[in-house]
Every structure is written in structure tokens, then in C-alpha cells.
Amino acid sequence: MRRILHIILLLALVCSCKGPRQIDREDMEDIFYDMLIQDQQLKQDPDLRKKADTLLVYEGIFEARGYDTDDFLHSLSYYLAEPARMEKLMGAVVDRLEKESKDVTAAIKHKSWVNRMMALYGMTPDTIKQPRQGPRAVDTLPIRLRADSVYIEKPGDTFPQPHKDSLLFVRDSL
């Protein structure tokens, strides 16, 4: 009887140990996306490249989504078993990277254009007036209206200048 109890406990212990989990497609796309971004960061920074061990670098990416290296390797073998499945997965990752690249390129071009315009007009970011928050400012320019003209009174001006309305003048465009 005791022997049967030991066998049952041993089987329960073996069954309770989980093997590697299968990573679903969306998480696998995110993992590959992050891995490719991480590879580019390592490629561009020689000091970081010297310090990096590939598995240690990717382990943080796996842990961020609740997986480990065994889960990734098990899922990778699942996706590599059918090349069409892997091709579809990597195609989605490449499309995502291309879209991100276009967005970043557009943002860089826009920032470059803004900087050129600011240099052209002799401005720096701290000289740009920010729009006022709250109600819109009321125009305080004093004017007098007459039937055929508008008089604008400038401060300190003793003789206001009439500005004729353009509709009162007959203009020949020929």
C-alpha cells in the first residue's frame, strides 16, 4: 500500500511540473519586434555590445511579457515547424517596423523644417510666443466709421487717416 502511495505522489509531482508554455502570435510579434529594436541598439553602441550577452539581453524582453527563455525556444520551434506560419509572423513584424520607420522619418523631417524656419526668421524655441489660454483678446484699435471711409485713430496721431473702403472705388482691371 505504501508503495502505491509513493508512486501516486511521484506521478502527481511529475504532472505538476509544467513544461514550457506556447506563446501566442500577438505576444510573439511583440517579442520579435522588441528583439529587433534591441539588436539595433546593440549594433549602434559598441560599449554596450561588448557588455551584452544575447540571452541576458533578451531575457528582459521575455520577462516583461511573463515568459522565459524556455517558453520562447519552445514557441520558436513551433513557429519554425511550419515555414508559412513563421513567414506570416515575421511579415507582420516587418510591416510594423516599416510603419514605425516612416513615422519617425516624417517626424524628423518636420523637426528639421521647423528648425530651418526658425533659423530663417532668427528665432529660437524660447522666443516663440505661446498662444494665450483663456478668452480671446479684444481688439482695442479705436476707429470711427463714416459712410465712405474708416478712420483709424493711432495713439499720439493728431490727424486720423481715412482708409477708403475698396468697394467704393471703381477699378478697371483691363
C-alpha atoms as a PDB file:
ATOM      1  CA  MET A   1       0.000   0.000   0.000  1.00  0.00           C
ATOM      2  CA  ARG A   2       2.824   2.321   0.860  1.00  0.00           C
ATOM      3  CA  ARG A   3       4.494   1.654  -2.459  1.00  0.00           C
ATOM      4  CA  ILE A   4       1.318   2.647  -4.342  1.00  0.00           C
ATOM      5  CA  LEU A   5       1.102   5.849  -2.324  1.00  0.00           C
ATOM      6  CA  HIS A   6       4.722   6.719  -3.245  1.00  0.00           C
ATOM      7  CA  ILE A   7       4.029   6.036  -6.921  1.00  0.00           C
ATOM      8  CA  ILE A   8       0.905   8.248  -6.841  1.00  0.00           C
ATOM      9  CA  LEU A   9       2.854  11.059  -5.125  1.00  0.00           C
ATOM     10  CA  LEU A  10       5.684  10.726  -7.638  1.00  0.00           C
ATOM     11  CA  LEU A  11       3.228  10.871 -10.567  1.00  0.00           C
ATOM     12  CA  ALA A  12       1.498  13.901  -9.031  1.00  0.00           C
ATOM     13  CA  LEU A  13       4.861  15.614  -8.639  1.00  0.00           C
ATOM     14  CA  VAL A  14       5.849  14.888 -12.236  1.00  0.00           C
ATOM     15  CA  CYS A  15       2.465  16.038 -13.566  1.00  0.00           C
ATOM     16  CA  SER A  16       2.504  19.220 -11.523  1.00  0.00           C
ATOM     17  CA  CYS A  17       5.758  20.392 -13.126  1.00  0.00           C
ATOM     18  CA  LYS A  18       4.842  22.458 -16.123  1.00  0.00           C
ATOM     19  CA  GLY A  19       6.841  22.425 -19.280  1.00  0.00           C
ATOM     20  CA  PRO A  20       7.459  25.438 -21.458  1.00  0.00           C
ATOM     21  CA  ARG A  21       4.362  27.351 -22.477  1.00  0.00           C
ATOM     22  CA  GLN A  22       3.294  28.214 -26.000  1.00  0.00           C
ATOM     23  CA  ILE A  23       3.492  31.977 -26.682  1.00  0.00           C
ATOM     24  CA  ASP A  24       0.514  33.260 -28.680  1.00  0.00           C
ATOM     25  CA  ARG A  25       1.009  35.019 -32.014  1.00  0.00           C
ATOM     26  CA  GLU A  26       0.462  38.613 -30.812  1.00  0.00           C
ATOM     27  CA  ASP A  27       2.966  38.276 -27.967  1.00  0.00           C
ATOM     28  CA  MET A  28       5.425  36.566 -30.298  1.00  0.00           C
ATOM     29  CA  GLU A  29       5.146  39.523 -32.727  1.00  0.00           C
ATOM     30  CA  ASP A  30       5.806  41.954 -29.874  1.00  0.00           C
ATOM     31  CA  ILE A  31       8.779  39.895 -28.697  1.00  0.00           C
ATOM     32  CA  PHE A  32      10.350  39.745 -32.170  1.00  0.00           C
ATOM     33  CA  TYR A  33       9.708  43.492 -32.642  1.00  0.00           C
ATOM     34  CA  ASP A  34      11.431  44.307 -29.346  1.00  0.00           C
ATOM     35  CA  MET A  35      14.291  41.915 -30.121  1.00  0.00           C
ATOM     36  CA  LEU A  36      14.977  43.605 -33.465  1.00  0.00           C
ATOM     37  CA  ILE A  37      14.908  47.047 -31.835  1.00  0.00           C
ATOM     38  CA  GLN A  38      17.263  45.776 -29.127  1.00  0.00           C
ATOM     39  CA  ASP A  39      19.614  44.356 -31.788  1.00  0.00           C
ATOM     40  CA  GLN A  40      19.814  47.760 -33.476  1.00  0.00           C
ATOM     41  CA  GLN A  41      20.591  49.450 -30.164  1.00  0.00           C
ATOM     42  CA  LEU A  42      23.361  46.933 -29.526  1.00  0.00           C
ATOM     43  CA  LYS A  43      24.698  47.378 -33.058  1.00  0.00           C
ATOM     44  CA  GLN A  44      24.914  51.172 -32.691  1.00  0.00           C
ATOM     45  CA  ASP A  45      26.556  51.211 -29.249  1.00  0.00           C
ATOM     46  CA  PRO A  46      29.949  49.427 -29.266  1.00  0.00           C
ATOM     47  CA  ASP A  47      30.367  49.688 -25.476  1.00  0.00           C
ATOM     48  CA  LEU A  48      27.000  48.082 -24.860  1.00  0.00           C
ATOM     49  CA  ARG A  49      27.761  45.398 -27.446  1.00  0.00           C
ATOM     50  CA  LYS A  50      30.910  44.408 -25.555  1.00  0.00           C
ATOM     51  CA  LYS A  51      28.972  44.008 -22.306  1.00  0.00           C
ATOM     52  CA  ALA A  52      25.909  42.257 -23.729  1.00  0.00           C
ATOM     53  CA  ASP A  53      25.297  38.548 -23.639  1.00  0.00           C
ATOM     54  CA  THR A  54      22.491  37.748 -26.091  1.00  0.00           C
ATOM     55  CA  LEU A  55      20.388  35.625 -23.747  1.00  0.00           C
ATOM     56  CA  LEU A  56      20.668  38.127 -20.914  1.00  0.00           C
ATOM     57  CA  VAL A  57      19.609  40.974 -23.209  1.00  0.00           C
ATOM     58  CA  TYR A  58      16.549  39.124 -24.453  1.00  0.00           C
ATOM     59  CA  GLU A  59      15.590  37.733 -21.054  1.00  0.00           C
ATOM     60  CA  GLY A  60      14.238  41.147 -20.012  1.00  0.00           C
ATOM     61  CA  ILE A  61      12.039  41.230 -23.126  1.00  0.00           C
ATOM     62  CA  PHE A  62      10.610  37.805 -22.278  1.00  0.00           C
ATOM     63  CA  GLU A  63      10.060  38.651 -18.605  1.00  0.00           C
ATOM     64  CA  ALA A  64       8.251  41.873 -19.483  1.00  0.00           C
ATOM     65  CA  ARG A  65       5.521  39.726 -21.052  1.00  0.00           C
ATOM     66  CA  GLY A  66       5.546  36.987 -18.421  1.00  0.00           C
ATOM     67  CA  TYR A  67       7.625  34.388 -20.308  1.00  0.00           C
ATOM     68  CA  ASP A  68      11.103  32.946 -20.017  1.00  0.00           C
ATOM     69  CA  THR A  69      13.756  31.666 -22.418  1.00  0.00           C
ATOM     70  CA  ASP A  70      12.369  28.112 -22.387  1.00  0.00           C
ATOM     71  CA  ASP A  71       8.933  29.397 -23.399  1.00  0.00           C
ATOM     72  CA  PHE A  72      10.466  31.390 -26.246  1.00  0.00           C
ATOM     73  CA  LEU A  73      12.578  28.498 -27.539  1.00  0.00           C
ATOM     74  CA  HIS A  74       9.584  26.131 -27.373  1.00  0.00           C
ATOM     75  CA  SER A  75       7.396  28.643 -29.249  1.00  0.00           C
ATOM     76  CA  LEU A  76      10.136  29.328 -31.766  1.00  0.00           C
ATOM     77  CA  SER A  77      10.370  25.633 -32.622  1.00  0.00           C
ATOM     78  CA  TYR A  78       6.556  25.592 -33.001  1.00  0.00           C
ATOM     79  CA  TYR A  79       6.592  28.526 -35.448  1.00  0.00           C
ATOM     80  CA  LEU A  80       9.623  27.171 -37.344  1.00  0.00           C
ATOM     81  CA  ALA A  81       7.890  23.810 -37.814  1.00  0.00           C
ATOM     82  CA  GLU A  82       5.649  25.451 -40.411  1.00  0.00           C
ATOM     83  CA  PRO A  83       7.545  27.979 -42.549  1.00  0.00           C
ATOM     84  CA  ALA A  84       4.322  29.648 -43.754  1.00  0.00           C
ATOM     85  CA  ARG A  85       3.344  30.417 -40.139  1.00  0.00           C
ATOM     86  CA  MET A  86       6.779  31.867 -39.402  1.00  0.00           C
ATOM     87  CA  GLU A  87       6.749  33.869 -42.637  1.00  0.00           C
ATOM     88  CA  LYS A  88       3.377  35.377 -41.741  1.00  0.00           C
ATOM     89  CA  LEU A  89       4.618  36.230 -38.248  1.00  0.00           C
ATOM     90  CA  MET A  90       7.819  37.874 -39.477  1.00  0.00           C
ATOM     91  CA  GLY A  91       5.910  39.682 -42.265  1.00  0.00           C
ATOM     92  CA  ALA A  92       3.744  41.332 -39.614  1.00  0.00           C
ATOM     93  CA  VAL A  93       6.857  42.343 -37.660  1.00  0.00           C
ATOM     94  CA  VAL A  94       8.498  43.810 -40.778  1.00  0.00           C
ATOM     95  CA  ASP A  95       5.325  45.763 -41.650  1.00  0.00           C
ATOM     96  CA  ARG A  96       5.246  47.168 -38.126  1.00  0.00           C
ATOM     97  CA  LEU A  97       8.908  48.180 -38.328  1.00  0.00           C
ATOM     98  CA  GLU A  98       8.416  49.837 -41.735  1.00  0.00           C
ATOM     99  CA  LYS A  99       5.430  51.831 -40.439  1.00  0.00           C
ATOM    100  CA  GLU A 100       7.419  52.918 -37.391  1.00  0.00           C
ATOM    101  CA  SER A 101      10.316  53.915 -39.643  1.00  0.00           C
ATOM    102  CA  LYS A 102       8.053  56.054 -41.850  1.00  0.00           C
ATOM    103  CA  ASP A 103       6.544  57.766 -38.796  1.00  0.00           C
ATOM    104  CA  VAL A 104       9.970  58.541 -37.345  1.00  0.00           C
ATOM    105  CA  THR A 105      11.262  59.785 -40.709  1.00  0.00           C
ATOM    106  CA  ALA A 106       8.261  62.103 -41.069  1.00  0.00           C
ATOM    107  CA  ALA A 107       8.781  63.443 -37.536  1.00  0.00           C
ATOM    108  CA  ILE A 108      12.492  64.072 -38.226  1.00  0.00           C
ATOM    109  CA  LYS A 109      11.685  65.894 -41.476  1.00  0.00           C
ATOM    110  CA  HIS A 110       9.091  68.035 -39.698  1.00  0.00           C
ATOM    111  CA  LYS A 111      11.503  68.928 -36.905  1.00  0.00           C
ATOM    112  CA  SER A 112      14.186  69.766 -39.467  1.00  0.00           C
ATOM    113  CA  TRP A 113      11.749  72.017 -41.342  1.00  0.00           C
ATOM    114  CA  VAL A 114      10.747  73.795 -38.114  1.00  0.00           C
ATOM    115  CA  ASN A 115      14.411  74.354 -37.234  1.00  0.00           C
ATOM    116  CA  ARG A 116      15.148  75.760 -40.723  1.00  0.00           C
ATOM    117  CA  MET A 117      12.182  78.145 -40.489  1.00  0.00           C
ATOM    118  CA  MET A 118      13.239  79.283 -37.032  1.00  0.00           C
ATOM    119  CA  ALA A 119      16.779  79.907 -38.284  1.00  0.00           C
ATOM    120  CA  LEU A 120      15.431  81.771 -41.304  1.00  0.00           C
ATOM    121  CA  TYR A 121      13.449  84.139 -39.101  1.00  0.00           C
ATOM    122  CA  GLY A 122      16.125  84.359 -36.414  1.00  0.00           C
ATOM    123  CA  MET A 123      14.054  82.674 -33.765  1.00  0.00           C
ATOM    124  CA  THR A 124      14.881  80.204 -31.044  1.00  0.00           C
ATOM    125  CA  PRO A 125      12.425  77.968 -29.209  1.00  0.00           C
ATOM    126  CA  ASP A 126      12.418  80.276 -26.192  1.00  0.00           C
ATOM    127  CA  THR A 127      11.404  83.327 -28.294  1.00  0.00           C
ATOM    128  CA  ILE A 128       8.262  81.746 -29.709  1.00  0.00           C
ATOM    129  CA  LYS A 129       5.194  83.180 -28.072  1.00  0.00           C
ATOM    130  CA  GLN A 130       2.849  80.502 -26.898  1.00  0.00           C
ATOM    131  CA  PRO A 131      -0.865  81.035 -27.555  1.00  0.00           C
ATOM    132  CA  ARG A 132      -2.677  82.617 -24.660  1.00  0.00           C
ATOM    133  CA  GLN A 133      -5.012  80.392 -22.756  1.00  0.00           C
ATOM    134  CA  GLY A 134      -8.479  81.639 -21.907  1.00  0.00           C
ATOM    135  CA  PRO A 135     -10.778  84.052 -23.699  1.00  0.00           C
ATOM    136  CA  ARG A 136      -9.649  85.669 -26.916  1.00  0.00           C
ATOM    137  CA  ALA A 137      -8.161  89.155 -26.626  1.00  0.00           C
ATOM    138  CA  VAL A 138     -10.409  92.012 -27.727  1.00  0.00           C
ATOM    139  CA  ASP A 139      -9.097  94.345 -30.416  1.00  0.00           C
ATOM    140  CA  THR A 140      -8.520  97.760 -28.875  1.00  0.00           C
ATOM    141  CA  LEU A 141      -7.817  99.739 -32.055  1.00  0.00           C
ATOM    142  CA  PRO A 142     -10.069 102.839 -31.947  1.00  0.00           C
ATOM    143  CA  ILE A 143     -11.874 103.523 -35.209  1.00  0.00           C
ATOM    144  CA  ARG A 144     -14.550 105.909 -36.451  1.00  0.00           C
ATOM    145  CA  LEU A 145     -16.871 104.862 -39.206  1.00  0.00           C
ATOM    146  CA  ARG A 146     -18.295 107.133 -41.888  1.00  0.00           C
ATOM    147  CA  ALA A 147     -20.370 106.303 -44.916  1.00  0.00           C
ATOM    148  CA  ASP A 148     -17.424 106.128 -47.322  1.00  0.00           C
ATOM    149  CA  SER A 149     -14.374 105.565 -45.100  1.00  0.00           C
ATOM    150  CA  VAL A 150     -12.954 104.252 -41.868  1.00  0.00           C
ATOM    151  CA  TYR A 151     -10.791 106.475 -39.709  1.00  0.00           C
ATOM    152  CA  ILE A 152      -8.171 104.647 -37.644  1.00  0.00           C
ATOM    153  CA  GLU A 153      -7.017 106.640 -34.676  1.00  0.00           C
ATOM    154  CA  LYS A 154      -3.467 105.772 -33.703  1.00  0.00           C
ATOM    155  CA  PRO A 155      -2.230 106.841 -30.267  1.00  0.00           C
ATOM    156  CA  GLY A 156      -0.457 110.204 -30.496  1.00  0.00           C
ATOM    157  CA  ASP A 157      -1.801 110.883 -34.009  1.00  0.00           C
ATOM    158  CA  THR A 158      -3.375 114.351 -34.278  1.00  0.00           C
ATOM    159  CA  PHE A 159      -4.847 113.798 -37.728  1.00  0.00           C
ATOM    160  CA  PRO A 160      -6.511 110.412 -38.237  1.00  0.00           C
ATOM    161  CA  GLN A 161      -6.006 108.940 -41.696  1.00  0.00           C
ATOM    162  CA  PRO A 162      -9.065 107.867 -43.655  1.00  0.00           C
ATOM    163  CA  HIS A 163      -8.975 104.419 -45.236  1.00  0.00           C
ATOM    164  CA  LYS A 164     -11.449 104.182 -48.059  1.00  0.00           C
ATOM    165  CA  ASP A 165     -13.421 101.013 -48.431  1.00  0.00           C
ATOM    166  CA  SER A 166     -12.328  99.179 -51.560  1.00  0.00           C
ATOM    167  CA  LEU A 167     -15.925  98.605 -52.650  1.00  0.00           C
ATOM    168  CA  LEU A 168     -16.459 102.355 -53.090  1.00  0.00           C
ATOM    169  CA  PHE A 169     -13.755 102.670 -55.737  1.00  0.00           C
ATOM    170  CA  VAL A 170     -14.384 101.721 -59.318  1.00  0.00           C
ATOM    171  CA  ARG A 171     -11.446  99.733 -60.584  1.00  0.00           C
ATOM    172  CA  ASP A 172     -10.790  98.764 -64.107  1.00  0.00           C
ATOM    173  CA  SER A 173      -8.904  95.510 -64.307  1.00  0.00           C
ATOM    174  CA  LEU A 174      -8.337  95.662 -68.061  1.00  0.00           C
END
